[in-house]
C-alpha atoms as a PDB file:
ATOM      1  CA  MET A   1      11.508   6.209 -40.323  1.00  0.00           C
ATOM      2  CA  LYS A   2      13.328   7.204 -43.570  1.00  0.00           C
ATOM      3  CA  HIS A   3      16.418   9.035 -44.761  1.00  0.00           C
ATOM      4  CA  GLY A   4      16.040  12.741 -45.649  1.00  0.00           C
ATOM      5  CA  SER A   5      17.559  14.457 -48.681  1.00  0.00           C
ATOM      6  CA  ASN A   6      20.735  15.297 -46.775  1.00  0.00           C
ATOM      7  CA  GLY A   7      21.208  11.749 -45.471  1.00  0.00           C
ATOM      8  CA  GLN A   8      19.713  12.464 -42.061  1.00  0.00           C
ATOM      9  CA  ILE A   9      17.292  10.010 -40.362  1.00  0.00           C
ATOM     10  CA  LEU A  10      13.808  11.486 -40.092  1.00  0.00           C
ATOM     11  CA  ASP A  11      10.795  10.518 -37.969  1.00  0.00           C
ATOM     12  CA  LEU A  12       7.557  10.811 -39.969  1.00  0.00           C
ATOM     13  CA  THR A  13       5.214  10.802 -36.958  1.00  0.00           C
ATOM     14  CA  PRO A  14       3.873  13.304 -35.988  1.00  0.00           C
ATOM     15  CA  GLY A  15       6.046  15.420 -38.297  1.00  0.00           C
ATOM     16  CA  ARG A  16       9.553  15.556 -39.771  1.00  0.00           C
ATOM     17  CA  LYS A  17      12.202  16.122 -37.144  1.00  0.00           C
ATOM     18  CA  ARG A  18      15.694  14.995 -36.372  1.00  0.00           C
ATOM     19  CA  ILE A  19      16.230  11.642 -34.682  1.00  0.00           C
ATOM     20  CA  PRO A  20      18.473  11.950 -31.593  1.00  0.00           C
ATOM     21  CA  GLY A  21      22.120  11.608 -32.477  1.00  0.00           C
ATOM     22  CA  ASP A  22      22.649   8.507 -30.372  1.00  0.00           C
ATOM     23  CA  LEU A  23      20.621   6.570 -32.943  1.00  0.00           C
ATOM     24  CA  GLU A  24      22.805   7.815 -35.823  1.00  0.00           C
ATOM     25  CA  THR A  25      26.119   7.182 -34.099  1.00  0.00           C
ATOM     26  CA  PRO A  26      27.249   3.558 -33.871  1.00  0.00           C
ATOM     27  CA  THR A  27      27.666   2.345 -30.293  1.00  0.00           C
ATOM     28  CA  ASP A  28      29.221  -0.695 -28.667  1.00  0.00           C
ATOM     29  CA  GLU A  29      27.046  -3.803 -28.506  1.00  0.00           C
ATOM     30  CA  PHE A  30      25.047  -3.900 -25.296  1.00  0.00           C
ATOM     31  CA  LEU A  31      24.448  -7.669 -25.401  1.00  0.00           C
ATOM     32  CA  ASP A  32      27.312  -9.762 -24.071  1.00  0.00           C
ATOM     33  CA  ILE A  33      27.952 -13.238 -25.374  1.00  0.00           C
ATOM     34  CA  ILE A  34      27.983 -15.640 -22.423  1.00  0.00           C
ATOM     35  CA  ARG A  35      29.407 -19.093 -22.884  1.00  0.00           C
ATOM     36  CA  PHE A  36      28.824 -22.030 -20.579  1.00  0.00           C
ATOM     37  CA  ASP A  37      30.932 -25.108 -20.159  1.00  0.00           C
ATOM     38  CA  ASN A  38      29.427 -28.321 -21.452  1.00  0.00           C
ATOM     39  CA  PHE A  39      27.787 -30.548 -18.877  1.00  0.00           C
ATOM     40  CA  ALA A  40      29.312 -33.983 -18.491  1.00  0.00           C
ATOM     41  CA  ALA A  41      27.096 -36.982 -17.786  1.00  0.00           C
ATOM     42  CA  MET A  42      28.651 -39.431 -15.327  1.00  0.00           C
ATOM     43  CA  PHE A  43      27.918 -42.847 -13.927  1.00  0.00           C
ATOM     44  CA  ARG A  44      26.772 -42.569 -10.331  1.00  0.00           C
ATOM     45  CA  ASN A  45      28.869 -45.486  -9.072  1.00  0.00           C
ATOM     46  CA  THR A  46      32.184 -44.685 -10.741  1.00  0.00           C
ATOM     47  CA  SER A  47      31.956 -40.943 -11.524  1.00  0.00           C
ATOM     48  CA  GLU A  48      33.280 -41.754 -14.979  1.00  0.00           C
ATOM     49  CA  ASP A  49      32.117 -39.732 -17.960  1.00  0.00           C
ATOM     50  CA  MET A  50      29.448 -41.360 -20.067  1.00  0.00           C
ATOM     51  CA  SER A  51      29.945 -41.922 -23.732  1.00  0.00           C
ATOM     52  CA  THR A  52      27.323 -40.686 -26.154  1.00  0.00           C
ATOM     53  CA  HIS A  53      26.158 -44.272 -26.553  1.00  0.00           C
ATOM     54  CA  ASP A  54      25.737 -44.769 -22.777  1.00  0.00           C
ATOM     55  CA  LEU A  55      23.909 -41.441 -22.440  1.00  0.00           C
ATOM     56  CA  MET A  56      21.474 -42.382 -25.195  1.00  0.00           C
ATOM     57  CA  LYS A  57      20.765 -45.685 -23.426  1.00  0.00           C
ATOM     58  CA  VAL A  58      19.896 -43.791 -20.221  1.00  0.00           C
ATOM     59  CA  LEU A  59      17.636 -41.348 -22.072  1.00  0.00           C
ATOM     60  CA  LEU A  60      15.834 -44.202 -23.816  1.00  0.00           C
ATOM     61  CA  LYS A  61      15.363 -45.961 -20.484  1.00  0.00           C
ATOM     62  CA  ILE A  62      13.841 -42.822 -18.942  1.00  0.00           C
ATOM     63  CA  GLN A  63      11.552 -42.436 -21.930  1.00  0.00           C
ATOM     64  CA  GLN A  64      10.473 -46.064 -21.606  1.00  0.00           C
ATOM     65  CA  GLN A  65       9.760 -45.617 -17.902  1.00  0.00           C
ATOM     66  CA  ARG A  66       7.554 -42.602 -18.639  1.00  0.00           C
ATOM     67  CA  PHE A  67       5.771 -44.553 -21.347  1.00  0.00           C
ATOM     68  CA  ASN A  68       5.125 -47.367 -18.885  1.00  0.00           C
ATOM     69  CA  LEU A  69       3.656 -44.935 -16.362  1.00  0.00           C
ATOM     70  CA  GLU A  70       1.140 -43.673 -18.922  1.00  0.00           C
ATOM     71  CA  THR A  71       0.199 -47.031 -20.453  1.00  0.00           C
ATOM     72  CA  LEU A  72      -2.194 -49.763 -19.352  1.00  0.00           C
ATOM     73  CA  GLY A  73      -0.396 -52.887 -18.247  1.00  0.00           C
ATOM     74  CA  ASN A  74      -0.958 -56.181 -16.492  1.00  0.00           C
ATOM     75  CA  ALA A  75      -1.181 -54.382 -13.155  1.00  0.00           C
ATOM     76  CA  PHE A  76      -4.122 -52.242 -14.327  1.00  0.00           C
ATOM     77  CA  THR A  77      -6.224 -52.066 -11.167  1.00  0.00           C
ATOM     78  CA  PRO A  78      -9.495 -50.145 -10.791  1.00  0.00           C
ATOM     79  CA  PHE A  79     -10.928 -49.285  -7.374  1.00  0.00           C
ATOM     80  CA  SER A  80     -13.104 -46.581  -5.844  1.00  0.00           C
ATOM     81  CA  VAL A  81     -12.775 -44.261  -2.853  1.00  0.00           C
ATOM     82  CA  THR A  82     -15.537 -42.275  -1.162  1.00  0.00           C
ATOM     83  CA  VAL A  83     -14.169 -38.754  -0.698  1.00  0.00           C
ATOM     84  CA  GLY A  84     -15.706 -37.014   2.294  1.00  0.00           C
ATOM     85  CA  LEU A  85     -16.082 -33.485   3.626  1.00  0.00           C
ATOM     86  CA  THR A  86     -12.677 -33.655   5.333  1.00  0.00           C
ATOM     87  CA  PRO A  87      -9.366 -34.642   3.669  1.00  0.00           C
ATOM     88  CA  THR A  88      -9.632 -38.316   2.718  1.00  0.00           C
ATOM     89  CA  LEU A  89      -6.577 -40.449   1.905  1.00  0.00           C
ATOM     90  CA  ILE A  90      -6.982 -41.668  -1.676  1.00  0.00           C
ATOM     91  CA  LEU A  91      -3.517 -43.124  -2.296  1.00  0.00           C
ATOM     92  CA  PRO A  92      -0.865 -43.939   0.313  1.00  0.00           C
ATOM     93  CA  PRO A  93       2.804 -43.308  -0.560  1.00  0.00           C
ATOM     94  CA  ASN A  94       4.296 -45.671  -3.154  1.00  0.00           C
ATOM     95  CA  LYS A  95       7.850 -46.997  -3.216  1.00  0.00           C
ATOM     96  CA  THR A  96       8.152 -46.182  -6.923  1.00  0.00           C
ATOM     97  CA  PRO A  97       6.489 -43.645  -9.258  1.00  0.00           C
ATOM     98  CA  ARG A  98       3.116 -44.755 -10.581  1.00  0.00           C
ATOM     99  CA  GLY A  99       0.587 -43.480 -13.096  1.00  0.00           C
ATOM    100  CA  TYR A 100      -3.085 -43.110 -12.230  1.00  0.00           C
ATOM    101  CA  LEU A 101      -6.306 -42.193 -13.983  1.00  0.00           C
ATOM    102  CA  PHE A 102      -8.934 -40.485 -11.818  1.00  0.00           C
ATOM    103  CA  LEU A 103     -12.610 -40.322 -12.804  1.00  0.00           C
ATOM    104  CA  ASN A 104     -15.434 -38.508 -11.053  1.00  0.00           C
ATOM    105  CA  PRO A 105     -18.312 -40.691 -12.303  1.00  0.00           C
ATOM    106  CA  SER A 106     -21.051 -38.304 -11.137  1.00  0.00           C
ATOM    107  CA  GLN A 107     -22.882 -37.240 -14.265  1.00  0.00           C
ATOM    108  CA  THR A 108     -23.801 -33.686 -15.162  1.00  0.00           C
ATOM    109  CA  VAL A 109     -27.535 -33.012 -15.158  1.00  0.00           C
ATOM    110  CA  ASN A 110     -28.721 -30.915 -18.108  1.00  0.00           C
ATOM    111  CA  GLY A 111     -31.979 -29.186 -18.892  1.00  0.00           C
ATOM    112  CA  ILE A 112     -34.523 -26.799 -17.439  1.00  0.00           C
ATOM    113  CA  THR A 113     -36.474 -29.634 -15.756  1.00  0.00           C
ATOM    114  CA  THR A 114     -34.589 -32.364 -13.938  1.00  0.00           C
ATOM    115  CA  ASP A 115     -35.976 -35.555 -12.378  1.00  0.00           C
ATOM    116  CA  THR A 116     -34.169 -37.112  -9.412  1.00  0.00           C
ATOM    117  CA  VAL A 117     -35.001 -40.354  -7.615  1.00  0.00           C
ATOM    118  CA  MET A 118     -34.886 -39.549  -3.903  1.00  0.00           C
ATOM    119  CA  PHE A 119     -36.059 -43.013  -2.783  1.00  0.00           C
ATOM    120  CA  ALA A 120     -36.406 -45.978  -5.122  1.00  0.00           C
ATOM    121  CA  SER A 121     -39.417 -48.216  -4.596  1.00  0.00           C
ATOM    122  CA  ALA A 122     -38.602 -50.619  -1.764  1.00  0.00           C
ATOM    123  CA  SER A 123     -40.093 -52.170   1.353  1.00  0.00           C
ATOM    124  CA  ARG A 124     -39.061 -50.230   4.440  1.00  0.00           C
ATOM    125  CA  GLY A 125     -39.712 -50.871   8.104  1.00  0.00           C
ATOM    126  CA  ALA A 126     -40.302 -48.428  10.926  1.00  0.00           C
ATOM    127  CA  GLY A 127     -37.640 -45.801  11.502  1.00  0.00           C
ATOM    128  CA  THR A 128     -36.030 -42.690  10.005  1.00  0.00           C
ATOM    129  CA  VAL A 129     -34.251 -42.655   6.648  1.00  0.00           C
ATOM    130  CA  THR A 130     -32.700 -39.783   4.687  1.00  0.00           C
ATOM    131  CA  SER A 131     -32.121 -39.485   0.968  1.00  0.00           C
ATOM    132  CA  THR A 132     -28.849 -38.544  -0.681  1.00  0.00           C
ATOM    133  CA  GLU A 133     -28.312 -34.793  -0.951  1.00  0.00           C
ATOM    134  CA  VAL A 134     -29.000 -33.131  -4.297  1.00  0.00           C
ATOM    135  CA  ASN A 135     -27.392 -29.979  -5.723  1.00  0.00           C
ATOM    136  CA  VAL A 136     -30.179 -27.496  -6.586  1.00  0.00           C
ATOM    137  CA  GLN A 137     -28.097 -24.320  -6.825  1.00  0.00           C
ATOM    138  CA  ALA A 138     -29.236 -23.615 -10.394  1.00  0.00           C
ATOM    139  CA  PHE A 139     -32.927 -24.377  -9.774  1.00  0.00           C
ATOM    140  CA  ARG A 140     -35.687 -22.284  -8.314  1.00  0.00           C
ATOM    141  CA  THR A 141     -38.472 -24.645  -7.185  1.00  0.00           C
ATOM    142  CA  SER A 142     -39.041 -28.306  -6.342  1.00  0.00           C
ATOM    143  CA  ARG A 143     -41.962 -30.737  -6.705  1.00  0.00           C
ATOM    144  CA  PHE A 144     -42.276 -34.262  -5.321  1.00  0.00           C
ATOM    145  CA  PHE A 145     -44.180 -37.433  -6.247  1.00  0.00           C
ATOM    146  CA  LEU A 146     -44.890 -40.074  -3.593  1.00  0.00           C
ATOM    147  CA  ASN A 147     -45.992 -43.506  -4.800  1.00  0.00           C
ATOM    148  CA  ILE A 148     -47.251 -45.937  -2.132  1.00  0.00           C
ATOM    149  CA  THR A 149     -47.858 -49.554  -3.139  1.00  0.00           C
ATOM    150  CA  VAL A 150     -47.980 -51.014   0.400  1.00  0.00           C
ATOM    151  CA  ALA A 151     -49.096 -48.469   2.975  1.00  0.00           C
ATOM    152  CA  PRO A 152     -47.117 -48.107   6.227  1.00  0.00           C
ATOM    153  CA  THR A 153     -48.871 -47.268   9.477  1.00  0.00           C
ATOM    154  CA  THR A 154     -47.651 -43.652   9.335  1.00  0.00           C
ATOM    155  CA  LEU A 155     -45.309 -41.756   7.029  1.00  0.00           C
ATOM    156  CA  GLN A 156     -43.972 -38.230   7.512  1.00  0.00           C
ATOM    157  CA  VAL A 157     -41.768 -36.701   4.786  1.00  0.00           C
ATOM    158  CA  ASN A 158     -39.696 -33.630   5.726  1.00  0.00           C
ATOM    159  CA  LEU A 159     -37.836 -31.392   3.262  1.00  0.00           C
ATOM    160  CA  GLN A 160     -34.386 -30.417   4.561  1.00  0.00           C
ATOM    161  CA  THR A 161     -31.898 -27.815   3.328  1.00  0.00           C
ATOM    162  CA  ARG A 162     -28.171 -27.583   4.109  1.00  0.00           C
ATOM    163  CA  ASP A 163     -26.574 -24.609   5.856  1.00  0.00           C
ATOM    164  CA  PRO A 164     -23.637 -23.599   3.574  1.00  0.00           C
ATOM    165  CA  LEU A 165     -21.564 -22.394   6.554  1.00  0.00           C
ATOM    166  CA  SER A 166     -21.867 -25.190   9.121  1.00  0.00           C
ATOM    167  CA  LEU A 167     -22.920 -27.887   6.576  1.00  0.00           C
ATOM    168  CA  ASN A 168     -25.616 -28.921   9.055  1.00  0.00           C
ATOM    169  CA  TRP A 169     -29.131 -29.783   7.885  1.00  0.00           C
ATOM    170  CA  ALA A 170     -32.265 -27.824   8.811  1.00  0.00           C
ATOM    171  CA  THR A 171     -35.891 -28.796   8.194  1.00  0.00           C
ATOM    172  CA  ALA A 172     -37.397 -26.280   5.777  1.00  0.00           C
ATOM    173  CA  GLN A 173     -40.864 -27.882   5.454  1.00  0.00           C
ATOM    174  CA  THR A 174     -42.403 -30.540   7.691  1.00  0.00           C
ATOM    175  CA  ASP A 175     -44.699 -33.376   6.560  1.00  0.00           C
ATOM    176  CA  ILE A 176     -44.955 -32.156   2.963  1.00  0.00           C
ATOM    177  CA  PHE A 177     -47.460 -34.917   2.034  1.00  0.00           C
ATOM    178  CA  SER A 178     -49.644 -34.242   5.098  1.00  0.00           C
ATOM    179  CA  GLY A 179     -49.232 -37.734   6.483  1.00  0.00           C
ATOM    180  CA  VAL A 180     -50.952 -39.707   3.693  1.00  0.00           C
ATOM    181  CA  VAL A 181     -50.790 -43.474   4.247  1.00  0.00           C
ATOM    182  CA  ALA A 182     -53.191 -44.937   1.664  1.00  0.00           C
ATOM    183  CA  THR A 183     -51.900 -46.648  -1.455  1.00  0.00           C
ATOM    184  CA  GLY A 184     -51.724 -44.383  -4.488  1.00  0.00           C
ATOM    185  CA  THR A 185     -49.651 -41.620  -6.064  1.00  0.00           C
ATOM    186  CA  TYR A 186     -49.423 -38.184  -4.465  1.00  0.00           C
ATOM    187  CA  TYR A 187     -48.020 -34.841  -5.591  1.00  0.00           C
ATOM    188  CA  VAL A 188     -46.840 -31.728  -3.737  1.00  0.00           C
ATOM    189  CA  ASP A 189     -45.288 -28.461  -4.932  1.00  0.00           C
ATOM    190  CA  THR A 190     -42.905 -27.219  -2.228  1.00  0.00           C
ATOM    191  CA  GLY A 191     -42.076 -24.048  -4.195  1.00  0.00           C
ATOM    192  CA  GLU A 192     -38.935 -22.096  -3.389  1.00  0.00           C
ATOM    193  CA  ILE A 193     -38.780 -22.802   0.360  1.00  0.00           C
ATOM    194  CA  GLY A 194     -35.856 -25.135   0.941  1.00  0.00           C
ATOM    195  CA  THR A 195     -34.633 -25.111  -2.664  1.00  0.00           C
ATOM    196  CA  ASP A 196     -31.362 -23.372  -1.786  1.00  0.00           C
ATOM    197  CA  ASP A 197     -27.959 -25.045  -2.259  1.00  0.00           C
ATOM    198  CA  PHE A 198     -28.475 -28.711  -1.373  1.00  0.00           C
ATOM    199  CA  VAL A 199     -31.683 -30.520  -0.399  1.00  0.00           C
ATOM    200  CA  ARG A 200     -32.597 -33.941   0.932  1.00  0.00           C
ATOM    201  CA  LEU A 201     -35.666 -35.702   2.306  1.00  0.00           C
ATOM    202  CA  GLN A 202     -36.060 -37.117   5.796  1.00  0.00           C
ATOM    203  CA  CYS A 203     -38.751 -39.795   6.103  1.00  0.00           C
ATOM    204  CA  VAL A 204     -40.103 -41.025   9.446  1.00  0.00           C
ATOM    205  CA  SER A 205     -42.410 -44.048   9.347  1.00  0.00           C
ATOM    206  CA  THR A 206     -44.037 -46.620  11.589  1.00  0.00           C
ATOM    207  CA  GLY A 207     -44.990 -50.048  10.376  1.00  0.00           C
ATOM    208  CA  THR A 208     -43.733 -51.608   7.165  1.00  0.00           C
ATOM    209  CA  GLY A 209     -44.523 -50.078   3.788  1.00  0.00           C
ATOM    210  CA  THR A 210     -43.390 -50.031   0.169  1.00  0.00           C
ATOM    211  CA  TRP A 211     -43.040 -46.588  -1.391  1.00  0.00           C
ATOM    212  CA  SER A 212     -40.884 -44.338  -3.596  1.00  0.00           C
ATOM    213  CA  ILE A 213     -40.325 -40.586  -3.953  1.00  0.00           C
ATOM    214  CA  GLU A 214     -39.243 -38.665  -7.070  1.00  0.00           C
ATOM    215  CA  MET A 215     -38.182 -34.989  -7.143  1.00  0.00           C
ATOM    216  CA  VAL A 216     -38.754 -32.654 -10.103  1.00  0.00           C
ATOM    217  CA  SER A 217     -36.617 -29.480 -10.135  1.00  0.00           C
ATOM    218  CA  LYS A 218     -37.790 -26.682 -12.409  1.00  0.00           C
ATOM    219  CA  GLU A 219     -37.131 -23.155 -13.629  1.00  0.00           C
ATOM    220  CA  ALA A 220     -33.371 -23.422 -13.815  1.00  0.00           C
ATOM    221  CA  TYR A 221     -31.446 -20.166 -13.872  1.00  0.00           C
ATOM    222  CA  GLY A 222     -28.722 -21.791 -15.973  1.00  0.00           C
ATOM    223  CA  GLY A 223     -28.708 -24.586 -18.496  1.00  0.00           C
ATOM    224  CA  THR A 224     -26.539 -27.001 -16.521  1.00  0.00           C
ATOM    225  CA  VAL A 225     -26.441 -28.300 -12.954  1.00  0.00           C
ATOM    226  CA  SER A 226     -23.312 -30.250 -12.014  1.00  0.00           C
ATOM    227  CA  PRO A 227     -22.799 -32.542  -9.028  1.00  0.00           C
ATOM    228  CA  PRO A 228     -20.173 -31.387  -6.533  1.00  0.00           C
ATOM    229  CA  GLY A 229     -16.570 -31.807  -7.628  1.00  0.00           C
ATOM    230  CA  ILE A 230     -13.694 -33.593  -5.919  1.00  0.00           C
ATOM    231  CA  PHE A 231     -10.583 -31.604  -5.003  1.00  0.00           C
ATOM    232  CA  LEU A 232      -7.145 -33.238  -4.833  1.00  0.00           C
ATOM    233  CA  GLY A 233      -4.104 -32.208  -2.820  1.00  0.00           C
ATOM    234  CA  ASN A 234      -2.102 -32.990   0.312  1.00  0.00           C
ATOM    235  CA  ALA A 235      -3.365 -33.706   3.821  1.00  0.00           C
ATOM    236  CA  ASN A 236      -4.453 -30.061   4.197  1.00  0.00           C
ATOM    237  CA  VAL A 237      -6.476 -29.880   0.967  1.00  0.00           C
ATOM    238  CA  THR A 238      -9.717 -27.866   0.948  1.00  0.00           C
ATOM    239  CA  THR A 239     -12.406 -27.235  -1.657  1.00  0.00           C
ATOM    240  CA  ALA A 240     -10.944 -23.733  -2.079  1.00  0.00           C
ATOM    241  CA  ILE A 241      -7.365 -24.725  -2.968  1.00  0.00           C
ATOM    242  CA  GLY A 242      -7.541 -28.324  -4.227  1.00  0.00           C
ATOM    243  CA  TYR A 243      -7.165 -29.417  -7.842  1.00  0.00           C
ATOM    244  CA  PRO A 244     -10.761 -29.908  -9.081  1.00  0.00           C
ATOM    245  CA  ILE A 245     -12.198 -32.946 -10.836  1.00  0.00           C
ATOM    246  CA  LEU A 246     -15.778 -32.016 -11.688  1.00  0.00           C
ATOM    247  CA  GLY A 247     -18.630 -34.437 -12.265  1.00  0.00           C
ATOM    248  CA  GLY A 248     -17.973 -36.553 -15.353  1.00  0.00           C
ATOM    249  CA  GLN A 249     -14.349 -35.399 -15.683  1.00  0.00           C
ATOM    250  CA  GLU A 250     -11.231 -37.557 -15.733  1.00  0.00           C
ATOM    251  CA  LYS A 251      -7.620 -36.609 -15.030  1.00  0.00           C
ATOM    252  CA  ARG A 252      -4.334 -38.486 -15.399  1.00  0.00           C
ATOM    253  CA  PHE A 253      -1.455 -37.986 -12.957  1.00  0.00           C
ATOM    254  CA  LEU A 254       2.008 -39.420 -12.425  1.00  0.00           C
ATOM    255  CA  LEU A 255       2.712 -39.699  -8.697  1.00  0.00           C
ATOM    256  CA  MET A 256       6.317 -39.699  -7.551  1.00  0.00           C
ATOM    257  CA  ASP A 257       7.497 -42.133  -4.908  1.00  0.00           C
ATOM    258  CA  ASN A 258       6.634 -41.345  -1.269  1.00  0.00           C
ATOM    259  CA  THR A 259       3.808 -39.031  -2.381  1.00  0.00           C
ATOM    260  CA  PRO A 260       0.413 -39.552  -0.683  1.00  0.00           C
ATOM    261  CA  LEU A 261      -2.706 -38.114  -2.318  1.00  0.00           C
ATOM    262  CA  TYR A 262      -5.735 -36.738  -0.486  1.00  0.00           C
ATOM    263  CA  GLY A 263      -9.111 -35.490  -1.644  1.00  0.00           C
ATOM    264  CA  VAL A 264     -12.042 -33.525  -0.247  1.00  0.00           C
ATOM    265  CA  ALA A 265     -15.559 -32.767  -1.494  1.00  0.00           C
ATOM    266  CA  ALA A 266     -18.465 -30.525  -0.548  1.00  0.00           C
ATOM    267  CA  VAL A 267     -20.686 -33.632  -0.511  1.00  0.00           C
ATOM    268  CA  ALA A 268     -19.444 -37.208  -0.028  1.00  0.00           C
ATOM    269  CA  THR A 269     -18.635 -38.340  -3.567  1.00  0.00           C
ATOM    270  CA  THR A 270     -17.238 -41.553  -5.045  1.00  0.00           C
ATOM    271  CA  LEU A 271     -13.977 -41.244  -6.991  1.00  0.00           C
ATOM    272  CA  SER A 272     -12.935 -44.018  -9.396  1.00  0.00           C
ATOM    273  CA  VAL A 273      -9.166 -44.634  -9.441  1.00  0.00           C
ATOM    274  CA  PHE A 274      -7.300 -46.674 -12.078  1.00  0.00           C
ATOM    275  CA  GLN A 275      -3.666 -47.714 -11.572  1.00  0.00           C
ATOM    276  CA  LEU A 276      -2.294 -47.752 -15.094  1.00  0.00           C
ATOM    277  CA  GLN A 277       0.716 -50.040 -15.022  1.00  0.00           C
END
């Protein structure tokens, strides 16, 4: 905008024309000035007004309390909780506010090829054992190495995959090593069958044997595969609405008094908890 030769206000876009008169004519202010009374700080017991000195003492005390909640002290106490597939109580209600540090110690797995120990080398008797479940959502195929140092009578290794709806396990491939029982190292490529969301191995043996199994996941669609996260909330928390703590992440919270904390996970996961003060 600019003033024309006759003192009129002109609009230069898209061409010169008169500005409406209500912009040239002074009007009353449309913003009212609203004033509020000062707030008085009072002692709870006597209802007497606080002096500036007393108020500053209260503010400093509150600041010190907050500092204490966020600082390590003599009561620093670490412990761990296994968070399951249903809401798990992590912290019961406290009588006073407390500060906590939460750590999901599960480490992120990086790379196009990832090695995972399904069963460490150990002596095992007759029976059925299952490995921990492994997140393979970003991988395409799986291979397995079986190393037998003391041969059992029989050994059947089944590859299982988890139904994402019911969370039940189904056998995708049966006896992937074709029942080998001699000492030695064996290899099998199970391909894409069973490499879905989560996999595990089910091993059925007779007799006593010493053996181990390693999984190699390849051809990742993405560069990173993360273990399942833990989700915090109240007693009704779910993986869809909870506050997430992903694998390798840590979070700090101040919990008010009488506030319980629950957690849930897609796969049973250990959460490390540190009481700060």
